[in-house]
Amino acid sequence: MPVLLSSLFQRLVSIVDIFMVGGLGAAAIAATGLGQLLIFVVMTVFWGLATGTTVVIAHLWGAGAHLAARRAAFAACLACAAMAIVATVAGMQFGTEIARLIGAQTDVLTYASQYIKLVFLYFIFTAGLNILSAIMQGTGNTRTPMEGVILVNILHVVIAYPLIYGHFGFPRMGVAGAAYAINISEMVGFLYLLVQAIRMKYLKFGKPDLQLFRKIWRVGYPVALERVAQQSGQLFYSKFIIGYGTSAYAAHQIGLSIESLSFMPGAGMGIAAATLMGQALGARKINRARISHTEALRLAILVMGLMALLFLFLPHQLISLFTQDPDVIEKGSMFLRLVAFAQVPLALSFVYAGSLRGTGDTHFVFLVTLAAMWGIRVLLSYIAAVPLHLSLYMVWGAFVVDWFFRAFVFGWRYRRLDLNNVSI
């Protein structure tokens, strides 16, 4: 449950930004969503590092090798810091140009340039929050990361509105205010988790253990490649959506924000499955590993199935919470109805992929993600948008086919695994 709530609240920061800038118009919504997309693209490598860290620490912790787990955690933190510095420089230098290449129009670029530069300037706190959460989750401590993320959300909600619209004595900063709100809140959340990690002795300071880091990266680099495939595919997919106009992309971003209310709990169950699978296999408790997977699957289907009903029957009401633009509401409502049909396949995909990662089988997950994103979603949406000039809704329909494919293939792979012979 803490993992589920952590994942949900993690995504809520982005949702609140989209919600808060809604009063500035469709261009501001599109720009904020575009900036968030670039952050997600850069985070691909960090998610790979985080997943490798969680899996390796879970195996070590389950086997009782706590000192080795602490050394692995410290090595992961050093790697994260070095990578974050590189990401900050690259994002500030090239972020706006990438947004232009994707196809953002002038009105969107005006907002996007400010937002992108500011969120990358303080990116190290975003990355640090992610790696410290991964370390704690690997030990089985899911409550402290949840506390950190909730702290981030509370602070973000308190300061975002006055910074964006200039209330309570603050200057009106618009989209830049949304970026500052994220930066300040994530800095506080990072410092809270860092203090807790030191207090609970999850980090063993000293010379980094390169052998343990190599093990982390061996598990994590396919996850990084998987996320690169996913997010780069999203960039191309977004380019096709932007081609249908600013209101279409604004509807897309609002729809994604609302969808994440179901998406992130499912992803949380995937993290839980990976952690419990890793700890059970590290302790050689095979039956417990199977039961953990089954229960994570059950919870994910329950939560995401209920959300599917909301998306199917109340789409107008949900979109109207973010904007009063009738064109955006109409398009966004159709997006949510399509999303409803992908909820159960999404639940299956998240948990099966999480359990596979917990066994160390991250390379297979990468290959399936690559095939699904580029061979199905990007290819089908390109065919629909460019040579055939079909409607926006046909382009959106490609992602439903994508998730059905992943659910089937991940399930097939998991059922063929012999957990008795798994090692990392």
Protein backbone atom coordinates (compact mmCIF):
# COMPACT_ATOMS: atom_id res chain seq x y z
CA MET A 1 0.00 0.00 0.00
CA PRO A 2 2.78 2.54 0.72
CA VAL A 3 4.33 1.76 -2.68
CA LEU A 4 0.95 2.25 -4.35
CA LEU A 5 0.44 5.56 -2.54
CA SER A 6 4.03 6.66 -3.26
CA SER A 7 3.57 6.04 -6.97
CA LEU A 8 0.24 7.86 -6.97
CA PHE A 9 1.56 10.89 -5.08
CA GLN A 10 4.71 10.94 -7.21
CA ARG A 11 2.59 11.47 -10.28
CA LEU A 12 0.27 13.92 -8.52
CA VAL A 13 3.01 16.56 -8.58
CA SER A 14 2.81 16.62 -12.38
CA ILE A 15 -0.99 16.44 -12.34
CA VAL A 16 -1.20 19.44 -10.01
CA ASP A 17 1.05 21.44 -12.33
CA ILE A 18 -1.19 20.66 -15.32
CA PHE A 19 -4.25 21.50 -13.20
CA MET A 20 -2.80 24.75 -11.84
CA VAL A 21 -1.68 26.17 -15.20
CA GLY A 22 -5.07 25.33 -16.77
CA GLY A 23 -6.23 28.89 -16.13
CA LEU A 24 -3.41 30.20 -18.34
CA GLY A 25 -4.81 28.51 -21.45
CA ALA A 26 -4.19 25.53 -23.75
CA ALA A 27 -0.67 26.69 -24.71
CA ALA A 28 0.42 26.72 -21.05
CA ILE A 29 -1.04 23.24 -20.52
CA ALA A 30 0.73 21.91 -23.61
CA ALA A 31 4.04 23.55 -22.63
CA THR A 32 3.95 22.16 -19.09
CA GLY A 33 3.10 18.70 -20.40
CA LEU A 34 5.92 18.91 -22.94
CA GLY A 35 8.42 19.92 -20.25
CA GLN A 36 7.32 17.01 -18.09
CA LEU A 37 7.71 14.67 -21.04
CA LEU A 38 11.34 15.75 -21.51
CA ILE A 39 12.01 15.13 -17.82
CA PHE A 40 10.51 11.65 -18.18
CA VAL A 41 12.78 11.00 -21.18
CA VAL A 42 15.89 11.98 -19.20
CA MET A 43 14.70 10.00 -16.19
CA THR A 44 14.88 6.78 -18.24
CA VAL A 45 18.51 6.17 -17.29
CA PHE A 46 17.81 7.00 -13.65
CA TRP A 47 14.85 4.60 -13.54
CA GLY A 48 17.19 1.93 -14.83
CA LEU A 49 19.67 2.68 -12.08
CA ALA A 50 16.85 2.75 -9.50
CA THR A 51 15.40 -0.59 -10.61
CA GLY A 52 18.81 -2.26 -10.60
CA THR A 53 19.41 -0.82 -7.13
CA THR A 54 16.07 -2.04 -5.78
CA VAL A 55 16.50 -5.56 -7.18
CA VAL A 56 20.12 -6.03 -6.04
CA ILE A 57 19.46 -4.60 -2.56
CA ALA A 58 16.30 -6.72 -2.25
CA HIS A 59 18.27 -9.90 -3.04
CA LEU A 60 21.08 -8.94 -0.64
CA TRP A 61 18.67 -7.89 2.12
CA GLY A 62 16.63 -11.07 1.71
CA ALA A 63 19.83 -13.12 2.00
CA GLY A 64 20.83 -11.23 5.20
CA ALA A 65 23.85 -9.49 3.57
CA HIS A 66 22.99 -6.05 4.99
CA LEU A 67 26.50 -4.58 4.86
CA ALA A 68 26.83 -5.43 1.16
CA ALA A 69 23.39 -3.88 0.58
CA ARG A 70 24.53 -0.64 2.24
CA ARG A 71 27.67 -0.55 0.09
CA ALA A 72 25.56 -1.09 -3.02
CA ALA A 73 23.29 1.77 -1.94
CA PHE A 74 26.21 4.20 -1.53
CA ALA A 75 27.67 3.25 -4.93
CA ALA A 76 24.24 3.84 -6.52
CA CYS A 77 24.00 7.31 -4.92
CA LEU A 78 27.41 8.37 -6.27
CA ALA A 79 26.50 7.18 -9.76
CA CYS A 80 23.18 9.02 -9.54
CA ALA A 81 24.86 12.29 -8.57
CA ALA A 82 27.36 12.13 -11.46
CA MET A 83 24.63 11.29 -13.98
CA ALA A 84 22.37 14.08 -12.66
CA ILE A 85 25.04 16.73 -13.31
CA VAL A 86 25.36 15.58 -16.93
CA ALA A 87 21.56 15.54 -17.34
CA THR A 88 21.24 19.08 -15.95
CA VAL A 89 23.77 20.52 -18.40
CA ALA A 90 22.24 18.67 -21.37
CA GLY A 91 18.65 19.57 -20.46
CA MET A 92 19.35 23.28 -20.03
CA GLN A 93 21.37 23.40 -23.22
CA PHE A 94 19.20 21.39 -25.60
CA GLY A 95 15.75 21.08 -23.98
CA THR A 96 14.08 23.98 -25.78
CA GLU A 97 15.50 22.93 -29.14
CA ILE A 98 14.15 19.41 -28.67
CA ALA A 99 10.71 20.86 -27.91
CA ARG A 100 10.95 22.83 -31.17
CA LEU A 101 11.95 19.72 -33.12
CA ILE A 102 9.00 17.80 -31.70
CA GLY A 103 6.77 20.40 -33.33
CA ALA A 104 5.77 22.78 -30.53
CA GLN A 105 4.36 26.01 -31.93
CA THR A 106 5.58 29.49 -30.98
CA ASP A 107 2.96 30.08 -28.27
CA VAL A 108 3.83 26.76 -26.63
CA LEU A 109 7.60 27.31 -26.94
CA THR A 110 7.40 30.65 -25.12
CA TYR A 111 6.12 28.88 -22.02
CA ALA A 112 8.06 25.64 -22.51
CA SER A 113 11.48 27.30 -22.65
CA GLN A 114 11.10 28.76 -19.14
CA TYR A 115 9.68 25.59 -17.64
CA ILE A 116 12.29 23.25 -19.15
CA LYS A 117 15.32 25.31 -18.08
CA LEU A 118 14.08 25.68 -14.51
CA VAL A 119 13.17 22.03 -13.89
CA PHE A 120 16.52 20.87 -15.28
CA LEU A 121 18.41 23.40 -13.16
CA TYR A 122 17.29 21.57 -10.01
CA PHE A 123 17.12 18.11 -11.58
CA ILE A 124 19.57 16.59 -9.07
CA PHE A 125 16.84 16.67 -6.41
CA THR A 126 14.41 14.81 -8.69
CA ALA A 127 17.05 12.14 -9.37
CA GLY A 128 18.10 11.97 -5.71
CA LEU A 129 14.52 11.50 -4.53
CA ASN A 130 14.19 8.62 -6.98
CA ILE A 131 17.37 6.74 -5.99
CA LEU A 132 16.82 7.10 -2.23
CA SER A 133 13.28 5.76 -2.63
CA ALA A 134 14.65 2.81 -4.62
CA ILE A 135 17.20 2.00 -1.91
CA MET A 136 14.59 2.02 0.84
CA GLN A 137 12.11 -0.02 -1.18
CA GLY A 138 14.79 -2.65 -1.76
CA THR A 139 15.13 -3.11 2.00
CA GLY A 140 11.36 -3.46 2.33
CA ASN A 141 10.93 0.00 3.88
CA THR A 142 8.21 1.46 1.68
CA ARG A 143 6.74 3.75 4.34
CA THR A 144 9.58 6.32 4.47
CA PRO A 145 9.61 6.95 0.68
CA MET A 146 5.84 7.40 0.90
CA GLU A 147 6.30 10.00 3.65
CA GLY A 148 8.84 11.84 1.51
CA VAL A 149 6.58 11.92 -1.53
CA ILE A 150 3.57 13.05 0.53
CA LEU A 151 5.73 15.85 1.97
CA VAL A 152 6.64 16.89 -1.59
CA ASN A 153 2.97 16.96 -2.61
CA ILE A 154 1.78 18.96 0.38
CA LEU A 155 4.49 21.58 -0.06
CA HIS A 156 3.92 21.69 -3.83
CA VAL A 157 0.18 22.31 -3.48
CA VAL A 158 0.79 25.05 -0.90
CA ILE A 159 3.25 27.04 -3.02
CA ALA A 160 2.27 26.29 -6.65
CA TYR A 161 -0.93 28.34 -6.84
CA PRO A 162 0.47 31.58 -5.35
CA LEU A 163 3.63 31.34 -7.45
CA ILE A 164 1.68 30.77 -10.69
CA TYR A 165 -1.02 33.41 -10.20
CA GLY A 166 0.65 35.89 -7.84
CA HIS A 167 -1.42 35.56 -4.67
CA PHE A 168 -0.54 36.06 -0.98
CA GLY A 169 2.18 38.60 -1.76
CA PHE A 170 4.02 36.47 -4.35
CA PRO A 171 4.76 37.79 -7.87
CA ARG A 172 2.73 36.32 -10.75
CA MET A 173 5.21 33.94 -12.42
CA GLY A 174 2.92 31.83 -14.62
CA VAL A 175 4.41 28.58 -15.94
CA ALA A 176 7.78 29.45 -14.36
CA GLY A 177 6.04 29.47 -10.97
CA ALA A 178 4.93 25.88 -11.56
CA ALA A 179 8.56 24.90 -12.19
CA TYR A 180 9.77 26.66 -9.04
CA ALA A 181 7.08 24.90 -7.00
CA ILE A 182 8.29 21.49 -8.21
CA ASN A 183 11.93 22.37 -7.58
CA ILE A 184 11.44 23.63 -4.03
CA SER A 185 9.15 20.79 -2.96
CA GLU A 186 11.41 18.06 -4.41
CA MET A 187 14.47 19.60 -2.76
CA VAL A 188 12.75 19.39 0.64
CA GLY A 189 11.60 15.81 -0.06
CA PHE A 190 15.13 14.78 -1.08
CA LEU A 191 16.66 16.25 2.07
CA TYR A 192 14.08 14.45 4.21
CA LEU A 193 14.86 11.05 2.61
CA LEU A 194 18.62 11.66 2.82
CA VAL A 195 18.43 12.38 6.56
CA GLN A 196 16.28 9.27 7.07
CA ALA A 197 18.63 7.08 5.00
CA ILE A 198 21.61 8.19 7.09
CA ARG A 199 19.68 7.82 10.36
CA MET A 200 18.48 4.30 9.46
CA LYS A 201 21.98 3.34 8.24
CA TYR A 202 20.99 2.38 4.71
CA LEU A 203 24.21 3.89 3.33
CA LYS A 204 27.76 2.68 3.98
CA PHE A 205 30.00 5.68 3.25
CA GLY A 206 33.47 4.99 1.93
CA LYS A 207 35.13 3.80 -1.25
CA PRO A 208 32.43 2.76 -3.75
CA ASP A 209 32.17 -1.00 -4.31
CA LEU A 210 32.56 -1.31 -8.07
CA GLN A 211 31.71 -5.00 -8.12
CA LEU A 212 28.32 -4.33 -6.53
CA PHE A 213 27.74 -1.38 -8.84
CA ARG A 214 28.45 -3.58 -11.86
CA LYS A 215 25.80 -5.99 -10.58
CA ILE A 216 23.35 -3.10 -10.19
CA TRP A 217 24.05 -1.87 -13.68
CA ARG A 218 23.84 -5.36 -15.19
CA VAL A 219 20.28 -5.57 -13.89
CA GLY A 220 19.51 -1.89 -14.45
CA TYR A 221 20.85 -1.06 -17.91
CA PRO A 222 18.16 -3.04 -19.76
CA VAL A 223 15.59 -1.11 -17.71
CA ALA A 224 17.28 2.12 -18.80
CA LEU A 225 17.13 0.97 -22.43
CA GLU A 226 13.51 -0.06 -21.89
CA ARG A 227 12.64 3.41 -20.60
CA VAL A 228 14.61 5.05 -23.44
CA ALA A 229 12.58 3.00 -25.92
CA GLN A 230 9.36 3.91 -24.10
CA GLN A 231 9.97 7.64 -23.68
CA SER A 232 11.62 8.25 -27.06
CA GLY A 233 8.64 6.47 -28.59
CA GLN A 234 6.39 8.79 -26.56
CA LEU A 235 8.21 11.77 -28.06
CA PHE A 236 7.50 10.58 -31.60
CA TYR A 237 3.96 9.66 -30.61
CA SER A 238 3.51 13.16 -29.16
CA LYS A 239 4.77 14.65 -32.43
CA PHE A 240 1.87 12.99 -34.25
CA ILE A 241 -0.59 14.31 -31.62
CA ILE A 242 0.80 17.87 -31.83
CA GLY A 243 0.18 17.67 -35.58
CA TYR A 244 -3.55 17.75 -34.83
CA GLY A 245 -3.24 21.15 -33.07
CA THR A 246 -2.64 22.71 -29.65
CA SER A 247 -6.07 21.75 -28.30
CA ALA A 248 -5.47 18.10 -29.26
CA TYR A 249 -2.15 18.04 -27.43
CA ALA A 250 -3.63 19.85 -24.41
CA ALA A 251 -6.40 17.21 -24.30
CA HIS A 252 -3.73 14.51 -24.58
CA GLN A 253 -1.77 15.93 -21.62
CA ILE A 254 -4.84 16.36 -19.44
CA GLY A 255 -5.95 12.83 -20.33
CA LEU A 256 -2.53 11.43 -19.44
CA SER A 257 -2.59 13.29 -16.12
CA ILE A 258 -5.98 11.82 -15.23
CA GLU A 259 -5.01 8.37 -16.51
CA SER A 260 -2.01 8.36 -14.19
CA LEU A 261 -4.42 8.13 -11.25
CA SER A 262 -4.76 4.49 -12.32
CA PHE A 263 -1.41 4.18 -14.09
CA MET A 264 0.76 4.98 -11.06
CA PRO A 265 -0.95 2.59 -8.61
CA GLY A 266 -0.43 -0.13 -11.22
CA ALA A 267 3.21 0.88 -11.53
CA GLY A 268 3.39 0.82 -7.72
CA MET A 269 2.17 -2.77 -7.70
CA GLY A 270 4.89 -3.54 -10.25
CA ILE A 271 7.52 -2.09 -7.89
CA ALA A 272 6.04 -4.08 -5.00
CA ALA A 273 6.15 -7.26 -7.10
CA ALA A 274 9.81 -6.65 -8.02
CA THR A 275 10.82 -5.96 -4.40
CA LEU A 276 8.96 -8.92 -2.90
CA MET A 277 10.10 -11.24 -5.69
CA GLY A 278 13.73 -10.16 -5.15
CA GLN A 279 13.61 -10.56 -1.37
CA ALA A 280 11.85 -13.94 -1.57
CA LEU A 281 14.30 -15.30 -4.13
CA GLY A 282 17.26 -13.93 -2.13
CA ALA A 283 15.96 -15.91 0.87
CA ARG A 284 15.16 -18.92 -1.43
CA LYS A 285 11.45 -18.80 -0.49
CA ILE A 286 10.03 -19.77 -3.89
CA ASN A 287 6.42 -20.25 -2.82
CA ARG A 288 6.40 -16.82 -1.19
CA ALA A 289 7.70 -15.31 -4.44
CA ARG A 290 4.78 -16.83 -6.38
CA ILE A 291 2.21 -15.68 -3.82
CA SER A 292 3.63 -12.14 -3.84
CA HIS A 293 3.20 -11.97 -7.60
CA THR A 294 -0.38 -13.26 -7.44
CA GLU A 295 -1.45 -10.77 -4.78
CA ALA A 296 0.18 -7.82 -6.58
CA LEU A 297 -1.65 -8.87 -9.74
CA ARG A 298 -4.97 -9.10 -7.91
CA LEU A 299 -4.62 -5.64 -6.36
CA ALA A 300 -3.52 -4.00 -9.62
CA ILE A 301 -6.48 -5.41 -11.55
CA LEU A 302 -8.91 -4.33 -8.82
CA VAL A 303 -7.66 -0.72 -8.63
CA MET A 304 -7.24 -0.20 -12.37
CA GLY A 305 -10.52 -1.96 -13.18
CA LEU A 306 -12.40 0.48 -10.94
CA MET A 307 -10.63 3.41 -12.58
CA ALA A 308 -11.63 2.09 -16.00
CA LEU A 309 -15.29 2.46 -15.02
CA LEU A 310 -14.71 6.10 -14.03
CA PHE A 311 -12.95 6.87 -17.31
CA LEU A 312 -15.73 5.19 -19.30
CA PHE A 313 -18.73 6.81 -17.62
CA LEU A 314 -17.46 10.18 -16.28
CA PRO A 315 -14.93 11.48 -18.84
CA HIS A 316 -16.49 14.93 -19.36
CA GLN A 317 -16.62 15.63 -15.64
CA LEU A 318 -12.97 14.62 -15.16
CA ILE A 319 -11.63 16.69 -18.07
CA SER A 320 -13.74 19.69 -16.98
CA LEU A 321 -11.79 19.80 -13.71
CA PHE A 322 -8.75 20.93 -15.70
CA THR A 323 -10.16 23.21 -18.41
CA GLN A 324 -13.34 24.87 -19.66
CA ASP A 325 -12.25 24.84 -23.33
CA PRO A 326 -15.06 22.89 -25.10
CA ASP A 327 -12.77 21.57 -27.84
CA VAL A 328 -10.24 20.25 -25.31
CA ILE A 329 -13.07 18.70 -23.22
CA GLU A 330 -14.54 16.92 -26.25
CA LYS A 331 -11.21 15.47 -27.38
CA GLY A 332 -10.05 14.63 -23.86
CA SER A 333 -13.29 12.75 -23.11
CA MET A 334 -12.77 10.46 -26.08
CA PHE A 335 -9.17 9.90 -24.98
CA LEU A 336 -10.33 8.78 -21.51
CA ARG A 337 -12.90 6.39 -22.99
CA LEU A 338 -10.14 4.76 -25.04
CA VAL A 339 -7.89 4.64 -21.96
CA ALA A 340 -10.61 2.73 -20.09
CA PHE A 341 -10.18 -0.27 -22.39
CA ALA A 342 -6.43 -0.38 -21.70
CA GLN A 343 -6.66 -0.48 -17.88
CA VAL A 344 -6.69 -4.25 -17.31
CA PRO A 345 -3.91 -4.91 -19.88
CA LEU A 346 -1.92 -2.14 -18.18
CA ALA A 347 -2.37 -3.80 -14.78
CA LEU A 348 -1.23 -7.16 -16.15
CA SER A 349 1.76 -5.58 -17.91
CA PHE A 350 2.98 -3.67 -14.86
CA VAL A 351 2.88 -6.61 -12.46
CA TYR A 352 4.23 -9.24 -14.85
CA ALA A 353 7.06 -6.87 -15.86
CA GLY A 354 7.76 -6.07 -12.19
CA SER A 355 7.99 -9.74 -11.26
CA LEU A 356 10.28 -10.40 -14.22
CA ARG A 357 12.54 -7.54 -13.10
CA GLY A 358 12.59 -9.01 -9.60
CA THR A 359 14.06 -12.20 -11.07
CA GLY A 360 16.69 -10.16 -12.94
CA ASP A 361 15.04 -10.82 -16.33
CA THR A 362 15.18 -7.15 -17.32
CA HIS A 363 16.58 -7.74 -20.82
CA PHE A 364 13.42 -9.52 -21.98
CA VAL A 365 11.23 -6.69 -20.63
CA PHE A 366 13.34 -4.22 -22.63
CA LEU A 367 12.96 -6.18 -25.87
CA VAL A 368 9.18 -6.43 -25.50
CA THR A 369 8.88 -2.72 -24.67
CA LEU A 370 11.00 -1.83 -27.71
CA ALA A 371 8.86 -4.00 -30.00
CA ALA A 372 5.56 -2.75 -28.55
CA MET A 373 6.40 0.96 -28.53
CA TRP A 374 8.12 1.22 -31.91
CA GLY A 375 6.72 -1.77 -33.79
CA ILE A 376 3.12 -1.18 -32.72
CA ARG A 377 2.39 2.25 -31.18
CA VAL A 378 4.71 4.50 -33.21
CA LEU A 379 4.31 2.56 -36.46
CA LEU A 380 0.51 2.36 -36.29
CA SER A 381 0.12 6.00 -35.24
CA TYR A 382 2.46 7.09 -38.06
CA ILE A 383 0.43 5.14 -40.61
CA ALA A 384 -2.81 6.57 -39.24
CA ALA A 385 -1.58 10.19 -39.05
CA VAL A 386 0.72 10.64 -42.05
CA PRO A 387 -0.09 8.55 -45.14
CA LEU A 388 -3.74 7.77 -44.28
CA HIS A 389 -4.66 11.09 -42.55
CA LEU A 390 -7.08 9.34 -40.21
CA SER A 391 -8.72 10.98 -37.19
CA LEU A 392 -6.95 11.80 -33.94
CA TYR A 393 -8.90 9.00 -32.25
CA MET A 394 -7.34 6.38 -34.52
CA VAL A 395 -3.88 7.63 -33.55
CA TRP A 396 -4.84 7.36 -29.88
CA GLY A 397 -6.18 3.85 -30.45
CA ALA A 398 -2.66 2.61 -31.22
CA PHE A 399 -1.67 2.66 -27.55
CA VAL A 400 -4.55 0.30 -26.65
CA VAL A 401 -3.20 -2.31 -29.09
CA ASP A 402 0.29 -1.75 -27.62
CA TRP A 403 -0.77 -2.60 -24.04
CA PHE A 404 -2.75 -5.70 -25.01
CA PHE A 405 0.36 -7.02 -26.75
CA ARG A 406 2.60 -6.37 -23.73
CA ALA A 407 0.18 -8.01 -21.29
CA PHE A 408 0.07 -11.20 -23.37
CA VAL A 409 3.85 -11.49 -23.93
CA PHE A 410 4.88 -10.63 -20.35
CA GLY A 411 2.36 -13.16 -19.00
CA TRP A 412 3.67 -15.84 -21.36
CA ARG A 413 7.27 -15.21 -20.25
CA TYR A 414 6.47 -15.30 -16.53
CA ARG A 415 4.60 -18.60 -16.80
CA ARG A 416 7.64 -20.18 -18.47
CA LEU A 417 10.10 -19.11 -15.73
CA ASP A 418 11.58 -21.67 -13.35
CA LEU A 419 11.96 -19.63 -10.15
CA ASN A 420 14.03 -22.38 -8.52
CA ASN A 421 16.90 -21.65 -10.91
CA VAL A 422 16.85 -17.83 -10.78
CA SER A 423 20.01 -15.96 -9.75
CA ILE A 424 21.43 -12.48 -10.40
